[in-house]
Amino acid sequence: MGKTLEYQGYTIQSAPDHLADGEKWRLRIFISVDDHQGVKAREFSADVVYATEQEADIHGVAFGQRLIDGKVEGQSVMDMKTVDRRATPRLRVQFRTTFSSATKREGTGVMLDLSSGGCRIESPVTVEPGVLIGAAHLCARRRMAAHD
């Protein structure tokens, strides 16, 4: 059987277990969430047994909803969602760049993420926070190309 339900940004998928005695079913569910870091999934089950697969299916979905709502003691899905705490959106880019610091240490690298509040650079040289980045010429060239 196996019911699937979207609930508060999560996907609950019921997959009841048929027990070895052949007459009972145990609820088993998978809860997944798709966020900016990809899909995360986790399996949950309970010791309660049911007479039919359909009954375990229905109770499994309800159990998943209670888990998501934080109403199942000792179990939670709160850690599955990551919160993007950035104040401004970050764009994925790939710009070759140069940088220098107050101590005159210079280097080159590739800028991978860019926002109005900062950026991420990949470089063989350690890039310290607060370092000046030489990307202004890239922005100017892109603007001029857009006007052509």
N, C-alpha and C. Protein backbone atom coordinates (compact mmCIF):
# COMPACT_ATOMS: atom_id res chain seq x y z
N MET A 1 0.84 -1.18 0.00
CA MET A 1 0.00 0.00 0.00
C MET A 1 0.89 1.24 0.00
N GLY A 2 1.03 1.92 1.09
CA GLY A 2 1.94 3.05 1.19
C GLY A 2 1.36 4.37 0.74
N LYS A 3 0.85 5.14 1.68
CA LYS A 3 0.32 6.46 1.39
C LYS A 3 1.46 7.48 1.43
N THR A 4 1.33 8.53 0.62
CA THR A 4 2.28 9.63 0.64
C THR A 4 1.50 10.92 0.82
N LEU A 5 2.01 11.80 1.71
CA LEU A 5 1.33 13.04 2.02
C LEU A 5 2.34 14.17 2.18
N GLU A 6 2.07 15.32 1.57
CA GLU A 6 2.86 16.53 1.78
C GLU A 6 2.27 17.23 2.99
N TYR A 7 3.13 17.59 3.97
CA TYR A 7 2.63 18.20 5.20
C TYR A 7 3.67 19.19 5.74
N GLN A 8 3.32 20.45 5.77
CA GLN A 8 4.16 21.52 6.32
C GLN A 8 5.59 21.52 5.77
N GLY A 9 5.71 21.32 4.47
CA GLY A 9 7.03 21.34 3.82
C GLY A 9 7.77 20.01 3.87
N TYR A 10 7.20 19.01 4.51
CA TYR A 10 7.79 17.67 4.59
C TYR A 10 6.96 16.71 3.73
N THR A 11 7.56 15.59 3.35
CA THR A 11 6.84 14.51 2.70
C THR A 11 6.82 13.33 3.65
N ILE A 12 5.61 12.83 3.94
CA ILE A 12 5.45 11.64 4.78
C ILE A 12 5.09 10.48 3.85
N GLN A 13 5.88 9.42 3.91
CA GLN A 13 5.59 8.24 3.11
C GLN A 13 5.44 7.04 4.04
N SER A 14 4.27 6.45 4.02
CA SER A 14 4.01 5.29 4.86
C SER A 14 4.48 4.03 4.15
N ALA A 15 5.11 3.12 4.90
CA ALA A 15 5.60 1.85 4.37
C ALA A 15 5.47 0.79 5.46
N PRO A 16 4.23 0.36 5.75
CA PRO A 16 4.02 -0.59 6.86
C PRO A 16 4.85 -1.87 6.72
N ASP A 17 5.29 -2.39 7.88
CA ASP A 17 6.04 -3.65 7.95
C ASP A 17 5.08 -4.80 8.23
N HIS A 18 5.15 -5.84 7.43
CA HIS A 18 4.38 -7.06 7.68
C HIS A 18 5.19 -7.92 8.63
N LEU A 19 4.69 -8.17 9.81
CA LEU A 19 5.45 -8.89 10.83
C LEU A 19 5.56 -10.37 10.51
N ALA A 20 6.53 -11.02 11.09
CA ALA A 20 6.86 -12.42 10.80
C ALA A 20 5.70 -13.37 11.07
N ASP A 21 4.83 -13.04 12.05
CA ASP A 21 3.72 -13.95 12.34
C ASP A 21 2.68 -13.97 11.22
N GLY A 22 2.79 -13.02 10.28
CA GLY A 22 1.94 -13.02 9.11
C GLY A 22 0.58 -12.39 9.29
N GLU A 23 0.22 -12.00 10.51
CA GLU A 23 -1.13 -11.47 10.73
C GLU A 23 -1.16 -10.03 11.20
N LYS A 24 -0.03 -9.47 11.55
CA LYS A 24 0.00 -8.12 12.11
C LYS A 24 0.90 -7.22 11.27
N TRP A 25 0.64 -5.92 11.41
CA TRP A 25 1.41 -4.90 10.70
C TRP A 25 1.92 -3.86 11.69
N ARG A 26 3.14 -3.41 11.46
CA ARG A 26 3.74 -2.37 12.29
C ARG A 26 3.89 -1.12 11.41
N LEU A 27 3.56 0.04 12.01
CA LEU A 27 3.70 1.25 11.20
C LEU A 27 5.16 1.62 11.05
N ARG A 28 5.49 2.03 9.85
CA ARG A 28 6.83 2.50 9.51
C ARG A 28 6.65 3.60 8.48
N ILE A 29 7.35 4.72 8.70
CA ILE A 29 7.23 5.84 7.78
C ILE A 29 8.61 6.41 7.45
N PHE A 30 8.65 7.14 6.36
CA PHE A 30 9.82 7.90 5.98
C PHE A 30 9.37 9.35 5.86
N ILE A 31 10.10 10.23 6.52
CA ILE A 31 9.82 11.66 6.42
C ILE A 31 11.01 12.29 5.71
N SER A 32 10.71 13.07 4.67
CA SER A 32 11.78 13.73 3.93
C SER A 32 11.46 15.21 3.76
N VAL A 33 12.52 15.97 3.54
CA VAL A 33 12.39 17.40 3.29
C VAL A 33 13.41 17.77 2.23
N ASP A 34 13.01 18.63 1.31
CA ASP A 34 13.89 19.10 0.25
C ASP A 34 14.12 20.58 0.48
N ASP A 35 15.35 20.93 0.85
CA ASP A 35 15.67 22.35 1.07
C ASP A 35 16.87 22.73 0.22
N HIS A 36 17.45 23.88 0.45
CA HIS A 36 18.54 24.39 -0.37
C HIS A 36 19.79 23.51 -0.31
N GLN A 37 19.86 22.57 0.62
CA GLN A 37 21.01 21.67 0.71
C GLN A 37 20.72 20.29 0.14
N GLY A 38 19.53 20.08 -0.41
CA GLY A 38 19.17 18.79 -0.99
C GLY A 38 18.10 18.08 -0.19
N VAL A 39 17.82 16.83 -0.56
CA VAL A 39 16.79 16.04 0.10
C VAL A 39 17.39 15.30 1.29
N LYS A 40 16.70 15.40 2.43
CA LYS A 40 17.09 14.65 3.63
C LYS A 40 15.91 13.77 4.00
N ALA A 41 16.16 12.51 4.31
CA ALA A 41 15.09 11.58 4.67
C ALA A 41 15.48 10.81 5.92
N ARG A 42 14.46 10.43 6.69
CA ARG A 42 14.69 9.67 7.91
C ARG A 42 13.54 8.68 8.09
N GLU A 43 13.87 7.50 8.61
CA GLU A 43 12.86 6.47 8.88
C GLU A 43 12.43 6.54 10.33
N PHE A 44 11.12 6.35 10.56
CA PHE A 44 10.55 6.30 11.91
C PHE A 44 9.61 5.10 11.98
N SER A 45 9.49 4.52 13.17
CA SER A 45 8.53 3.43 13.38
C SER A 45 8.05 3.49 14.83
N ALA A 46 7.03 2.70 15.10
CA ALA A 46 6.48 2.61 16.46
C ALA A 46 6.23 1.14 16.76
N ASP A 47 6.19 0.79 18.03
CA ASP A 47 6.01 -0.60 18.45
C ASP A 47 4.56 -1.06 18.36
N VAL A 48 3.65 -0.14 18.12
CA VAL A 48 2.22 -0.49 18.03
C VAL A 48 2.00 -1.36 16.80
N VAL A 49 1.18 -2.41 16.94
CA VAL A 49 0.86 -3.27 15.80
C VAL A 49 -0.61 -3.13 15.45
N TYR A 50 -0.90 -3.39 14.17
CA TYR A 50 -2.27 -3.23 13.65
C TYR A 50 -2.68 -4.50 12.92
N ALA A 51 -3.98 -4.71 12.84
CA ALA A 51 -4.53 -5.92 12.22
C ALA A 51 -4.37 -5.92 10.71
N THR A 52 -4.40 -4.74 10.08
CA THR A 52 -4.33 -4.69 8.62
C THR A 52 -3.26 -3.70 8.17
N GLU A 53 -2.83 -3.87 6.93
CA GLU A 53 -1.87 -2.94 6.34
C GLU A 53 -2.48 -1.54 6.20
N GLN A 54 -3.75 -1.49 5.83
CA GLN A 54 -4.44 -0.22 5.67
C GLN A 54 -4.48 0.56 6.99
N GLU A 55 -4.75 -0.14 8.07
CA GLU A 55 -4.80 0.50 9.39
C GLU A 55 -3.41 1.04 9.78
N ALA A 56 -2.36 0.27 9.54
CA ALA A 56 -0.99 0.71 9.84
C ALA A 56 -0.62 1.90 8.95
N ASP A 57 -1.11 1.89 7.72
CA ASP A 57 -0.87 2.98 6.78
C ASP A 57 -1.48 4.29 7.27
N ILE A 58 -2.73 4.25 7.65
CA ILE A 58 -3.45 5.43 8.13
C ILE A 58 -2.82 5.97 9.40
N HIS A 59 -2.52 5.08 10.34
CA HIS A 59 -1.89 5.51 11.60
C HIS A 59 -0.46 6.00 11.38
N GLY A 60 0.21 5.46 10.38
CA GLY A 60 1.57 5.90 10.06
C GLY A 60 1.59 7.35 9.61
N VAL A 61 0.66 7.73 8.73
CA VAL A 61 0.59 9.11 8.26
C VAL A 61 0.26 10.05 9.42
N ALA A 62 -0.68 9.65 10.27
CA ALA A 62 -1.03 10.47 11.44
C ALA A 62 0.16 10.59 12.39
N PHE A 63 0.92 9.53 12.56
CA PHE A 63 2.12 9.54 13.40
C PHE A 63 3.14 10.52 12.82
N GLY A 64 3.30 10.52 11.50
CA GLY A 64 4.21 11.45 10.84
C GLY A 64 3.80 12.90 11.07
N GLN A 65 2.52 13.18 11.00
CA GLN A 65 2.03 14.53 11.25
C GLN A 65 2.32 14.97 12.68
N ARG A 66 2.12 14.05 13.64
CA ARG A 66 2.42 14.37 15.04
C ARG A 66 3.92 14.61 15.25
N LEU A 67 4.75 13.82 14.56
CA LEU A 67 6.21 14.02 14.64
C LEU A 67 6.58 15.41 14.14
N ILE A 68 6.05 15.79 12.99
CA ILE A 68 6.35 17.10 12.41
C ILE A 68 5.86 18.22 13.31
N ASP A 69 4.72 18.01 13.95
CA ASP A 69 4.16 19.02 14.85
C ASP A 69 4.89 19.06 16.20
N GLY A 70 5.84 18.15 16.42
CA GLY A 70 6.60 18.13 17.67
C GLY A 70 5.84 17.52 18.83
N LYS A 71 4.89 16.64 18.54
CA LYS A 71 4.04 16.07 19.58
C LYS A 71 4.38 14.62 19.95
N VAL A 72 5.52 14.12 19.47
CA VAL A 72 5.95 12.76 19.82
C VAL A 72 7.18 12.90 20.70
N GLU A 73 7.05 12.53 21.94
CA GLU A 73 8.13 12.69 22.90
C GLU A 73 9.36 11.87 22.49
N GLY A 74 10.51 12.51 22.53
CA GLY A 74 11.77 11.83 22.26
C GLY A 74 12.11 11.70 20.78
N GLN A 75 11.24 12.14 19.89
CA GLN A 75 11.52 12.07 18.45
C GLN A 75 11.15 13.40 17.80
N SER A 76 11.96 13.80 16.82
CA SER A 76 11.73 15.09 16.18
C SER A 76 12.30 15.10 14.77
N VAL A 77 11.79 16.00 13.96
CA VAL A 77 12.32 16.22 12.62
C VAL A 77 12.87 17.63 12.48
N MET A 78 12.90 18.38 13.57
CA MET A 78 13.29 19.79 13.52
C MET A 78 14.70 19.99 12.95
N ASP A 79 15.60 19.05 13.18
CA ASP A 79 16.97 19.19 12.70
C ASP A 79 17.11 18.89 11.21
N MET A 80 16.05 18.41 10.58
CA MET A 80 16.12 18.07 9.16
C MET A 80 16.08 19.31 8.27
N LYS A 81 15.43 20.35 8.72
CA LYS A 81 15.35 21.58 7.93
C LYS A 81 16.48 22.50 8.35
N THR A 82 17.18 23.04 7.38
CA THR A 82 18.22 24.02 7.68
C THR A 82 17.65 25.40 7.37
N VAL A 83 17.98 26.31 8.22
CA VAL A 83 17.49 27.67 8.06
C VAL A 83 18.55 28.49 7.37
N ASP A 84 18.17 29.16 6.31
CA ASP A 84 19.09 30.06 5.63
C ASP A 84 19.06 31.39 6.37
N ARG A 85 20.12 31.70 7.11
CA ARG A 85 20.15 32.88 7.96
C ARG A 85 20.71 34.11 7.26
N ARG A 86 20.95 34.02 5.98
CA ARG A 86 21.51 35.16 5.27
C ARG A 86 20.50 36.30 5.21
N ALA A 87 21.00 37.51 5.41
CA ALA A 87 20.15 38.70 5.34
C ALA A 87 19.85 39.08 3.90
N THR A 88 20.75 38.72 2.98
CA THR A 88 20.55 39.02 1.57
C THR A 88 20.75 37.75 0.76
N PRO A 89 20.11 37.64 -0.40
CA PRO A 89 20.27 36.43 -1.22
C PRO A 89 21.72 36.27 -1.69
N ARG A 90 22.14 35.04 -1.81
CA ARG A 90 23.49 34.74 -2.28
C ARG A 90 23.38 34.11 -3.67
N LEU A 91 24.15 34.64 -4.61
CA LEU A 91 24.15 34.14 -5.98
C LEU A 91 25.33 33.21 -6.19
N ARG A 92 25.11 32.12 -6.90
CA ARG A 92 26.21 31.23 -7.25
C ARG A 92 26.88 31.78 -8.50
N VAL A 93 28.19 32.05 -8.40
CA VAL A 93 28.96 32.62 -9.51
C VAL A 93 30.27 31.87 -9.63
N GLN A 94 31.03 32.16 -10.66
CA GLN A 94 32.40 31.66 -10.80
C GLN A 94 33.20 32.75 -11.48
N PHE A 95 33.85 33.61 -10.67
CA PHE A 95 34.67 34.70 -11.17
C PHE A 95 36.10 34.50 -10.69
N ARG A 96 37.05 34.63 -11.60
CA ARG A 96 38.45 34.69 -11.17
C ARG A 96 38.64 36.04 -10.49
N THR A 97 39.33 36.05 -9.38
CA THR A 97 39.47 37.30 -8.62
C THR A 97 40.84 37.39 -7.96
N THR A 98 41.20 38.59 -7.58
CA THR A 98 42.42 38.82 -6.80
C THR A 98 42.00 39.43 -5.47
N PHE A 99 42.84 39.28 -4.47
CA PHE A 99 42.53 39.84 -3.16
C PHE A 99 43.81 40.25 -2.46
N SER A 100 43.65 41.17 -1.50
CA SER A 100 44.78 41.59 -0.68
C SER A 100 44.26 41.98 0.69
N SER A 101 45.15 41.96 1.67
CA SER A 101 44.76 42.32 3.04
C SER A 101 45.60 43.49 3.52
N ALA A 102 45.32 43.97 4.70
CA ALA A 102 46.06 45.09 5.29
C ALA A 102 47.53 44.73 5.49
N THR A 103 47.83 43.45 5.60
CA THR A 103 49.22 43.01 5.78
C THR A 103 49.92 42.81 4.44
N LYS A 104 49.30 43.26 3.38
CA LYS A 104 49.85 43.21 2.01
C LYS A 104 49.95 41.79 1.45
N ARG A 105 49.25 40.85 2.04
CA ARG A 105 49.25 39.50 1.50
C ARG A 105 48.28 39.47 0.32
N GLU A 106 48.75 39.06 -0.84
CA GLU A 106 47.92 39.03 -2.02
C GLU A 106 47.73 37.61 -2.49
N GLY A 107 46.66 37.41 -3.26
CA GLY A 107 46.42 36.10 -3.82
C GLY A 107 45.38 36.14 -4.90
N THR A 108 45.18 35.01 -5.53
CA THR A 108 44.14 34.87 -6.55
C THR A 108 43.27 33.70 -6.16
N GLY A 109 42.08 33.68 -6.71
CA GLY A 109 41.17 32.59 -6.42
C GLY A 109 39.95 32.66 -7.31
N VAL A 110 38.97 31.85 -6.96
CA VAL A 110 37.70 31.82 -7.69
C VAL A 110 36.59 32.17 -6.71
N MET A 111 35.85 33.23 -7.05
CA MET A 111 34.70 33.62 -6.24
C MET A 111 33.55 32.68 -6.62
N LEU A 112 32.95 32.00 -5.62
CA LEU A 112 31.91 31.02 -5.89
C LEU A 112 30.52 31.49 -5.50
N ASP A 113 30.41 32.27 -4.46
CA ASP A 113 29.12 32.80 -4.00
C ASP A 113 29.29 34.30 -3.82
N LEU A 114 28.23 35.05 -4.12
CA LEU A 114 28.31 36.49 -4.03
C LEU A 114 27.00 37.06 -3.52
N SER A 115 27.08 37.96 -2.54
CA SER A 115 25.89 38.68 -2.05
C SER A 115 26.32 40.09 -1.70
N SER A 116 25.37 40.95 -1.40
CA SER A 116 25.72 42.31 -1.03
C SER A 116 26.46 42.34 0.31
N GLY A 117 26.36 41.28 1.09
CA GLY A 117 27.03 41.22 2.38
C GLY A 117 28.36 40.51 2.37
N GLY A 118 28.77 39.92 1.25
CA GLY A 118 30.04 39.21 1.21
C GLY A 118 30.11 38.21 0.08
N CYS A 119 31.11 37.34 0.15
CA CYS A 119 31.29 36.33 -0.89
C CYS A 119 32.07 35.15 -0.31
N ARG A 120 32.18 34.10 -1.13
CA ARG A 120 32.99 32.93 -0.77
C ARG A 120 34.03 32.75 -1.86
N ILE A 121 35.28 32.58 -1.44
CA ILE A 121 36.38 32.44 -2.40
C ILE A 121 37.11 31.13 -2.14
N GLU A 122 37.42 30.43 -3.22
CA GLU A 122 38.24 29.22 -3.15
C GLU A 122 39.62 29.60 -3.66
N SER A 123 40.65 29.36 -2.83
CA SER A 123 42.00 29.78 -3.18
C SER A 123 43.02 28.92 -2.44
N PRO A 124 44.20 28.73 -3.03
CA PRO A 124 45.26 28.02 -2.29
C PRO A 124 45.81 28.87 -1.15
N VAL A 125 45.55 30.18 -1.19
CA VAL A 125 45.97 31.09 -0.13
C VAL A 125 44.80 31.28 0.82
N THR A 126 45.06 31.27 2.13
CA THR A 126 44.00 31.49 3.11
C THR A 126 43.44 32.89 2.96
N VAL A 127 42.12 32.98 2.82
CA VAL A 127 41.45 34.28 2.67
C VAL A 127 40.81 34.62 4.01
N GLU A 128 41.28 35.69 4.63
CA GLU A 128 40.76 36.11 5.93
C GLU A 128 39.51 36.98 5.74
N PRO A 129 38.57 36.93 6.69
CA PRO A 129 37.40 37.82 6.62
C PRO A 129 37.85 39.28 6.59
N GLY A 130 37.16 40.09 5.80
CA GLY A 130 37.47 41.51 5.71
C GLY A 130 38.47 41.86 4.64
N VAL A 131 38.96 40.89 3.90
CA VAL A 131 39.95 41.13 2.84
C VAL A 131 39.27 41.85 1.68
N LEU A 132 39.98 42.79 1.07
CA LEU A 132 39.46 43.51 -0.10
C LEU A 132 39.55 42.61 -1.32
N ILE A 133 38.47 42.59 -2.10
CA ILE A 133 38.39 41.72 -3.27
C ILE A 133 38.43 42.56 -4.53
N GLY A 134 39.24 42.15 -5.49
CA GLY A 134 39.34 42.87 -6.76
C GLY A 134 38.36 42.34 -7.78
N ALA A 135 37.06 42.58 -7.57
CA ALA A 135 36.06 42.09 -8.52
C ALA A 135 35.33 43.22 -9.23
N ALA A 136 35.66 44.46 -8.92
CA ALA A 136 34.96 45.60 -9.51
C ALA A 136 35.09 45.60 -11.03
N HIS A 137 36.27 45.24 -11.54
CA HIS A 137 36.45 45.25 -12.99
C HIS A 137 35.58 44.19 -13.67
N LEU A 138 35.30 43.09 -12.98
CA LEU A 138 34.42 42.07 -13.55
C LEU A 138 33.00 42.60 -13.67
N CYS A 139 32.53 43.28 -12.62
CA CYS A 139 31.18 43.83 -12.64
C CYS A 139 31.06 44.88 -13.74
N ALA A 140 32.09 45.73 -13.89
CA ALA A 140 32.05 46.77 -14.90
C ALA A 140 32.01 46.16 -16.30
N ARG A 141 32.81 45.13 -16.54
CA ARG A 141 32.81 44.49 -17.85
C ARG A 141 31.46 43.85 -18.15
N ARG A 142 30.85 43.26 -17.17
CA ARG A 142 29.55 42.61 -17.39
C ARG A 142 28.49 43.66 -17.70
N ARG A 143 28.55 44.80 -17.01
CA ARG A 143 27.58 45.87 -17.28
C ARG A 143 27.75 46.40 -18.69
N MET A 144 28.99 46.60 -19.12
CA MET A 144 29.23 47.12 -20.46
C MET A 144 28.76 46.11 -21.50
N ALA A 145 28.98 44.84 -21.25
CA ALA A 145 28.54 43.82 -22.20
C ALA A 145 27.03 43.80 -22.32
N ALA A 146 26.34 44.10 -21.23
CA ALA A 146 24.88 44.10 -21.26
C ALA A 146 24.35 45.25 -22.09
N HIS A 147 25.14 46.35 -22.24
CA HIS A 147 24.69 47.51 -23.01
C HIS A 147 24.95 47.34 -24.51
N ASP A 148 25.80 46.41 -24.89
CA ASP A 148 26.16 46.21 -26.32
C ASP A 148 25.02 45.60 -27.09
